[in-house]
C-alpha atoms as a PDB file:
ATOM      1  CA  MET A   1       5.277  -4.189   5.527  1.00  0.00           C
ATOM      2  CA  SER A   2       1.588  -5.066   4.327  1.00  0.00           C
ATOM      3  CA  ALA A   3       0.281  -3.154   1.724  1.00  0.00           C
ATOM      4  CA  THR A   4      -3.445  -3.353   2.597  1.00  0.00           C
ATOM      5  CA  THR A   5      -5.247  -0.398   3.917  1.00  0.00           C
ATOM      6  CA  THR A   6      -6.153  -0.402   7.614  1.00  0.00           C
ATOM      7  CA  SER A   7      -9.286   1.628   7.042  1.00  0.00           C
ATOM      8  CA  SER A   8     -12.744   0.194   6.638  1.00  0.00           C
ATOM      9  CA  ARG A   9     -14.224   2.998   4.458  1.00  0.00           C
ATOM     10  CA  VAL A  10     -14.965   1.882   0.856  1.00  0.00           C
ATOM     11  CA  PRO A  11     -14.525   5.120  -1.278  1.00  0.00           C
ATOM     12  CA  MET A  12     -16.887   6.060  -4.051  1.00  0.00           C
ATOM     13  CA  ILE A  13     -15.715   5.791  -7.766  1.00  0.00           C
ATOM     14  CA  VAL A  14     -15.584   9.514  -7.815  1.00  0.00           C
ATOM     15  CA  GLY A  15     -12.416   8.850  -5.744  1.00  0.00           C
ATOM     16  CA  ILE A  16     -10.397   7.558  -8.313  1.00  0.00           C
ATOM     17  CA  VAL A  17     -11.814   9.106 -11.268  1.00  0.00           C
ATOM     18  CA  LEU A  18     -11.324  12.746  -9.700  1.00  0.00           C
ATOM     19  CA  GLY A  19      -8.194  11.769  -7.967  1.00  0.00           C
ATOM     20  CA  LEU A  20      -5.676  12.913 -10.312  1.00  0.00           C
ATOM     21  CA  LEU A  21      -7.332  16.872 -10.381  1.00  0.00           C
ATOM     22  CA  ILE A  22      -6.380  16.205  -6.441  1.00  0.00           C
ATOM     23  CA  LEU A  23      -2.780  15.058  -7.436  1.00  0.00           C
ATOM     24  CA  THR A  24      -2.261  18.275  -9.838  1.00  0.00           C
ATOM     25  CA  SER A  25      -3.187  20.590  -6.890  1.00  0.00           C
ATOM     26  CA  MET A  26      -0.654  18.626  -4.746  1.00  0.00           C
ATOM     27  CA  VAL A  27       2.007  19.022  -7.609  1.00  0.00           C
ATOM     28  CA  LEU A  28       1.556  22.624  -7.081  1.00  0.00           C
ATOM     29  CA  PHE A  29       1.826  23.329  -3.267  1.00  0.00           C
ATOM     30  CA  SER A  30       3.958  20.212  -2.309  1.00  0.00           C
ATOM     31  CA  VAL A  31       6.126  19.078  -5.002  1.00  0.00           C
ATOM     32  CA  VAL A  32       8.337  22.156  -4.206  1.00  0.00           C
ATOM     33  CA  LEU A  33      11.763  20.516  -4.456  1.00  0.00           C
ATOM     34  CA  PRO A  34      15.308  21.771  -4.736  1.00  0.00           C
ATOM     35  CA  GLU A  35      16.638  22.870  -7.819  1.00  0.00           C
ATOM     36  CA  ALA A  36      17.656  19.735 -10.199  1.00  0.00           C
ATOM     37  CA  THR A  37      21.144  19.045  -9.135  1.00  0.00           C
ATOM     38  CA  GLY A  38      23.537  20.577 -11.732  1.00  0.00           C
ATOM     39  CA  ASP A  39      21.753  23.523 -12.150  1.00  0.00           C
ATOM     40  CA  ASP A  40      23.886  25.955 -10.021  1.00  0.00           C
ATOM     41  CA  GLU A  41      27.627  27.311 -11.143  1.00  0.00           C
ATOM     42  CA  GLY A  42      30.321  25.275 -10.166  1.00  0.00           C
ATOM     43  CA  SER A  43      28.154  22.304  -8.670  1.00  0.00           C
ATOM     44  CA  GLU A  44      28.628  18.982  -9.483  1.00  0.00           C
ATOM     45  CA  THR A  45      27.191  17.493 -12.659  1.00  0.00           C
ATOM     46  CA  HIS A  46      24.664  14.359 -12.066  1.00  0.00           C
ATOM     47  CA  GLU A  47      23.756  11.785 -14.591  1.00  0.00           C
ATOM     48  CA  SER A  48      20.194  12.178 -15.696  1.00  0.00           C
ATOM     49  CA  LEU A  49      18.401   9.054 -14.745  1.00  0.00           C
ATOM     50  CA  SER A  50      15.502   7.658 -16.385  1.00  0.00           C
ATOM     51  CA  PHE A  51      12.328   6.401 -14.709  1.00  0.00           C
ATOM     52  CA  THR A  52       9.403   3.528 -15.394  1.00  0.00           C
ATOM     53  CA  LEU A  53       6.645   3.243 -13.041  1.00  0.00           C
ATOM     54  CA  PRO A  54       5.099  -0.492 -13.825  1.00  0.00           C
ATOM     55  CA  ASP A  55       2.154  -2.218 -14.239  1.00  0.00           C
ATOM     56  CA  THR A  56       2.155  -3.271 -10.869  1.00  0.00           C
ATOM     57  CA  LEU A  57       3.589  -3.260  -7.560  1.00  0.00           C
ATOM     58  CA  PRO A  58       4.177  -5.572  -4.440  1.00  0.00           C
ATOM     59  CA  GLY A  59       0.914  -5.600  -2.030  1.00  0.00           C
ATOM     60  CA  GLY A  60      -1.565  -5.678  -4.991  1.00  0.00           C
ATOM     61  CA  TYR A  61      -1.048  -2.531  -6.410  1.00  0.00           C
ATOM     62  CA  ALA A  62      -2.188  -2.228  -9.920  1.00  0.00           C
ATOM     63  CA  ALA A  63      -2.251   0.236 -12.492  1.00  0.00           C
ATOM     64  CA  ALA A  64      -5.452   2.459 -12.981  1.00  0.00           C
ATOM     65  CA  ASP A  65      -4.763   2.950 -16.544  1.00  0.00           C
ATOM     66  CA  LEU A  66      -5.324  -0.540 -17.072  1.00  0.00           C
ATOM     67  CA  GLU A  67      -8.837  -1.960 -17.528  1.00  0.00           C
ATOM     68  CA  SER A  68      -7.444  -5.428 -16.117  1.00  0.00           C
ATOM     69  CA  SER A  69      -6.863  -3.632 -12.647  1.00  0.00           C
ATOM     70  CA  PHE A  70     -10.554  -3.872 -11.919  1.00  0.00           C
ATOM     71  CA  ASP A  71     -11.302  -7.244 -12.977  1.00  0.00           C
ATOM     72  CA  GLY A  72     -14.100  -8.808 -10.529  1.00  0.00           C
ATOM     73  CA  GLY A  73     -13.691  -5.791  -8.208  1.00  0.00           C
ATOM     74  CA  GLU A  74     -16.715  -3.353  -7.579  1.00  0.00           C
ATOM     75  CA  LEU A  75     -15.764  -0.817  -9.929  1.00  0.00           C
ATOM     76  CA  ALA A  76     -15.374  -3.493 -13.058  1.00  0.00           C
ATOM     77  CA  ALA A  77     -18.377  -1.694 -14.725  1.00  0.00           C
ATOM     78  CA  GLN A  78     -16.898   1.583 -14.940  1.00  0.00           C
ATOM     79  CA  ALA A  79     -13.248  -0.185 -15.854  1.00  0.00           C
ATOM     80  CA  ALA A  80     -13.297   1.143 -19.297  1.00  0.00           C
ATOM     81  CA  ALA A  81     -14.399   5.323 -18.459  1.00  0.00           C
ATOM     82  CA  ILE A  82     -11.625   5.121 -15.482  1.00  0.00           C
ATOM     83  CA  ALA A  83      -8.654   3.225 -17.423  1.00  0.00           C
ATOM     84  CA  GLU A  84      -9.288   5.717 -20.090  1.00  0.00           C
ATOM     85  CA  GLN A  85      -9.285   8.770 -17.816  1.00  0.00           C
ATOM     86  CA  GLN A  86      -6.207   7.359 -15.614  1.00  0.00           C
ATOM     87  CA  GLY A  87      -4.160   7.102 -18.862  1.00  0.00           C
ATOM     88  CA  GLY A  88      -5.038  10.466 -20.047  1.00  0.00           C
ATOM     89  CA  SER A  89      -4.027  12.427 -16.830  1.00  0.00           C
ATOM     90  CA  THR A  90      -0.817  10.000 -16.697  1.00  0.00           C
ATOM     91  CA  GLU A  91      -0.016  11.028 -20.009  1.00  0.00           C
ATOM     92  CA  TYR A  92      -0.560  14.461 -18.916  1.00  0.00           C
ATOM     93  CA  GLY A  93       1.468  14.327 -15.847  1.00  0.00           C
ATOM     94  CA  ASN A  94       4.351  12.842 -17.396  1.00  0.00           C
ATOM     95  CA  GLU A  95       4.614  15.740 -19.915  1.00  0.00           C
ATOM     96  CA  VAL A  96       4.166  18.493 -17.300  1.00  0.00           C
ATOM     97  CA  LEU A  97       6.208  17.148 -14.306  1.00  0.00           C
ATOM     98  CA  PRO A  98       9.828  16.948 -15.801  1.00  0.00           C
ATOM     99  CA  GLU A  99       9.153  20.227 -18.153  1.00  0.00           C
ATOM    100  CA  VAL A 100       7.689  22.426 -14.687  1.00  0.00           C
ATOM    101  CA  LEU A 101      10.351  20.882 -12.291  1.00  0.00           C
ATOM    102  CA  ASP A 102      13.347  20.603 -14.969  1.00  0.00           C
ATOM    103  CA  THR A 103      14.514  17.047 -14.007  1.00  0.00           C
ATOM    104  CA  SER A 104      13.451  13.830 -14.753  1.00  0.00           C
ATOM    105  CA  ALA A 105      10.296  12.897 -13.406  1.00  0.00           C
ATOM    106  CA  VAL A 106       7.135  10.518 -13.631  1.00  0.00           C
ATOM    107  CA  THR A 107       3.547   9.835 -11.982  1.00  0.00           C
ATOM    108  CA  ARG A 108       1.019   6.886 -12.383  1.00  0.00           C
ATOM    109  CA  SER A 109      -2.204   6.165 -10.496  1.00  0.00           C
ATOM    110  CA  TYR A 110      -2.692   2.506  -9.174  1.00  0.00           C
ATOM    111  CA  VAL A 111      -5.993   0.902  -7.251  1.00  0.00           C
ATOM    112  CA  VAL A 112      -5.579  -1.728  -4.847  1.00  0.00           C
ATOM    113  CA  ASN A 113      -8.315  -4.008  -3.159  1.00  0.00           C
ATOM    114  CA  GLY A 114     -10.440  -3.158  -6.506  1.00  0.00           C
ATOM    115  CA  THR A 115     -11.189   0.595  -5.072  1.00  0.00           C
ATOM    116  CA  GLU A 116      -8.803   2.232  -3.025  1.00  0.00           C
ATOM    117  CA  ALA A 117      -6.791   4.656  -5.275  1.00  0.00           C
ATOM    118  CA  VAL A 118      -3.071   5.478  -4.694  1.00  0.00           C
ATOM    119  CA  PHE A 119      -1.102   8.100  -6.624  1.00  0.00           C
ATOM    120  CA  VAL A 120       2.842   7.796  -7.251  1.00  0.00           C
ATOM    121  CA  GLN A 121       5.504  10.529  -8.434  1.00  0.00           C
ATOM    122  CA  VAL A 122       9.234   9.893  -8.665  1.00  0.00           C
ATOM    123  CA  MET A 123      11.523  12.641  -9.439  1.00  0.00           C
ATOM    124  CA  GLN A 124      15.269  12.973  -9.925  1.00  0.00           C
ATOM    125  CA  ALA A 125      15.892  15.888  -6.866  1.00  0.00           C
ATOM    126  CA  GLU A 126      16.622  15.730  -3.062  1.00  0.00           C
ATOM    127  CA  GLY A 127      13.664  15.893  -1.020  1.00  0.00           C
ATOM    128  CA  GLY A 128      12.808  17.840   2.021  1.00  0.00           C
ATOM    129  CA  ALA A 129      10.955  20.788   0.889  1.00  0.00           C
ATOM    130  CA  PHE A 130       7.576  19.134   1.333  1.00  0.00           C
ATOM    131  CA  SER A 131       4.896  20.285   3.474  1.00  0.00           C
ATOM    132  CA  PRO A 132       0.967  21.678   3.190  1.00  0.00           C
ATOM    133  CA  SER A 133      -0.214  25.092   2.895  1.00  0.00           C
ATOM    134  CA  SER A 134      -1.241  25.194   6.315  1.00  0.00           C
ATOM    135  CA  LEU A 135      -1.080  23.080   9.429  1.00  0.00           C
ATOM    136  CA  THR A 136      -3.499  22.429  12.004  1.00  0.00           C
ATOM    137  CA  ASP A 137      -3.265  20.963  15.934  1.00  0.00           C
ATOM    138  CA  PRO A 138      -6.059  18.405  15.953  1.00  0.00           C
ATOM    139  CA  GLU A 139      -6.209  19.024  19.857  1.00  0.00           C
ATOM    140  CA  SER A 140      -7.813  22.319  19.058  1.00  0.00           C
ATOM    141  CA  THR A 141     -10.525  21.533  16.903  1.00  0.00           C
ATOM    142  CA  ASP A 142     -12.745  19.695  19.151  1.00  0.00           C
ATOM    143  CA  GLY A 143     -12.771  16.535  17.165  1.00  0.00           C
ATOM    144  CA  ALA A 144     -13.021  17.952  13.954  1.00  0.00           C
ATOM    145  CA  GLY A 145      -9.525  16.983  12.563  1.00  0.00           C
ATOM    146  CA  GLY A 146      -6.848  18.873  11.050  1.00  0.00           C
ATOM    147  CA  ILE A 147      -3.741  18.955   9.074  1.00  0.00           C
ATOM    148  CA  THR A 148      -0.427  17.875  10.385  1.00  0.00           C
ATOM    149  CA  MET A 149       3.125  16.007   9.342  1.00  0.00           C
ATOM    150  CA  GLN A 150       5.188  13.377  11.431  1.00  0.00           C
ATOM    151  CA  LYS A 151       7.967  11.260  10.422  1.00  0.00           C
ATOM    152  CA  VAL A 152       6.705   7.751   9.490  1.00  0.00           C
ATOM    153  CA  GLY A 153       9.301   5.008   8.923  1.00  0.00           C
ATOM    154  CA  ASP A 154      12.022   6.636   6.327  1.00  0.00           C
ATOM    155  CA  GLY A 155       9.539   9.041   5.023  1.00  0.00           C
ATOM    156  CA  VAL A 156       7.710  11.959   5.891  1.00  0.00           C
ATOM    157  CA  CYS A 157       3.993  12.437   5.677  1.00  0.00           C
ATOM    158  CA  ILE A 158       1.479  14.745   5.617  1.00  0.00           C
ATOM    159  CA  LEU A 159      -1.905  13.362   7.352  1.00  0.00           C
ATOM    160  CA  THR A 160      -5.304  15.108   7.165  1.00  0.00           C
ATOM    161  CA  SER A 161      -7.960  13.711   9.630  1.00  0.00           C
ATOM    162  CA  GLY A 162     -11.495  14.431   9.885  1.00  0.00           C
ATOM    163  CA  ALA A 163     -14.838  12.785  10.082  1.00  0.00           C
ATOM    164  CA  THR A 164     -14.824   9.508   8.473  1.00  0.00           C
ATOM    165  CA  GLN A 165     -17.695   7.719   6.784  1.00  0.00           C
ATOM    166  CA  MET A 166     -18.608   5.894  10.109  1.00  0.00           C
ATOM    167  CA  GLY A 167     -18.722   9.645  11.792  1.00  0.00           C
ATOM    168  CA  ALA A 168     -15.784   8.922  14.317  1.00  0.00           C
ATOM    169  CA  PRO A 169     -12.897  11.547  13.486  1.00  0.00           C
ATOM    170  CA  GLY A 170     -10.075   9.722  12.020  1.00  0.00           C
ATOM    171  CA  PRO A 171      -7.228  10.098   9.154  1.00  0.00           C
ATOM    172  CA  THR A 172      -9.062  10.962   5.405  1.00  0.00           C
ATOM    173  CA  ALA A 173      -5.961  11.325   3.552  1.00  0.00           C
ATOM    174  CA  SER A 174      -1.850  10.870   3.976  1.00  0.00           C
ATOM    175  CA  GLU A 175       0.499  11.898   1.162  1.00  0.00           C
ATOM    176  CA  CYS A 176       4.303  10.850   1.921  1.00  0.00           C
ATOM    177  CA  GLN A 177       7.570  11.572   0.488  1.00  0.00           C
ATOM    178  CA  VAL A 178      10.739   9.060   0.791  1.00  0.00           C
ATOM    179  CA  SER A 179      14.002  10.064  -0.796  1.00  0.00           C
ATOM    180  CA  HIS A 180      17.413   8.419  -1.434  1.00  0.00           C
ATOM    181  CA  ASP A 181      20.510   9.158  -3.495  1.00  0.00           C
ATOM    182  CA  GLY A 182      18.968  12.403  -5.347  1.00  0.00           C
ATOM    183  CA  VAL A 183      15.884  10.631  -5.855  1.00  0.00           C
ATOM    184  CA  THR A 184      12.478  11.263  -4.433  1.00  0.00           C
ATOM    185  CA  VAL A 185       9.328   9.177  -4.139  1.00  0.00           C
ATOM    186  CA  GLN A 186       5.961  10.742  -3.059  1.00  0.00           C
ATOM    187  CA  VAL A 187       2.902   8.658  -2.861  1.00  0.00           C
ATOM    188  CA  SER A 188      -0.846   9.791  -1.605  1.00  0.00           C
ATOM    189  CA  SER A 189      -3.906   8.132  -0.960  1.00  0.00           C
ATOM    190  CA  ASP A 190      -7.429   8.874   1.121  1.00  0.00           C
ATOM    191  CA  THR A 191      -7.518   5.408   2.083  1.00  0.00           C
ATOM    192  CA  VAL A 192      -4.015   3.506   2.205  1.00  0.00           C
ATOM    193  CA  ALA A 193      -2.456   4.019   5.838  1.00  0.00           C
ATOM    194  CA  ALA A 194       0.602   6.137   6.144  1.00  0.00           C
ATOM    195  CA  GLU A 195       2.916   3.463   7.032  1.00  0.00           C
ATOM    196  CA  ASP A 196       1.625   1.352   4.084  1.00  0.00           C
ATOM    197  CA  LEU A 197       2.132   4.496   1.763  1.00  0.00           C
ATOM    198  CA  VAL A 198       6.050   4.493   3.197  1.00  0.00           C
ATOM    199  CA  GLY A 199       6.331   0.631   2.607  1.00  0.00           C
ATOM    200  CA  LEU A 200       5.114   1.303  -1.079  1.00  0.00           C
ATOM    201  CA  ALA A 201       7.848   3.734  -1.494  1.00  0.00           C
ATOM    202  CA  ALA A 202      10.620   1.546  -0.675  1.00  0.00           C
ATOM    203  CA  ASP A 203       8.841  -0.834  -3.447  1.00  0.00           C
ATOM    204  CA  VAL A 204       9.158   1.924  -5.712  1.00  0.00           C
ATOM    205  CA  PHE A 205      12.557   2.719  -5.889  1.00  0.00           C
ATOM    206  CA  LYS A 206      13.314  -0.699  -6.845  1.00  0.00           C
ATOM    207  CA  ALA A 207      10.780  -0.967  -9.528  1.00  0.00           C
ATOM    208  CA  ALA A 208      10.969   2.257 -10.990  1.00  0.00           C
ATOM    209  CA  VAL A 209      14.897   3.401 -10.280  1.00  0.00           C
ATOM    210  CA  GLU A 210      16.254   0.225 -10.104  1.00  0.00           C
ATOM    211  CA  PRO A 211      14.461  -1.701 -12.834  1.00  0.00           C
ATOM    212  CA  ALA A 212      15.061  -5.250 -13.184  1.00  0.00           C
ATOM    213  CA  ALA A 213      17.419  -6.164 -16.609  1.00  0.00           C
END
């Protein structure tokens, strides 16, 4: 599946610099996973996994905490500031997520096509408890958009729609969850299409959960 976005919108630098603040709020309402396996009395004990998110992922995704990820792009002049901010946010997230979820978990932000931010989380937990704080039927908003959910490939996605920079209604953000064998991957972006995020999640499983020897 192609990892390039189907959107023609060009996000502003603030979308990357402030993206992890949005990610933090996502953790509070949508990363509500079941208790880590092995905590309940009489339950089967599972070995704790170790996850590592690489510097690059298939499809041109490069870690936003590396200055080199912005070489030759529209944000090259701001690369040092963005990389520093994203590095600090990733470090903080990798401390908070395992502590709050009481299970192995990592997070990292990526950039594709030079400007488009994507946020990735990997957790040792079954998925399923995943939804926005509210749902809105887009057909009831007279074209103003809304927030809904749907299955996309192997994943479930929260889809936000509204007025785009072109003025017409369309997708403005997607957050998708995919779970396999007791591991959950969540990916989110305000520019990359849901179908591509689910495809990226499959690559994350291979890279982070089953790293090459």
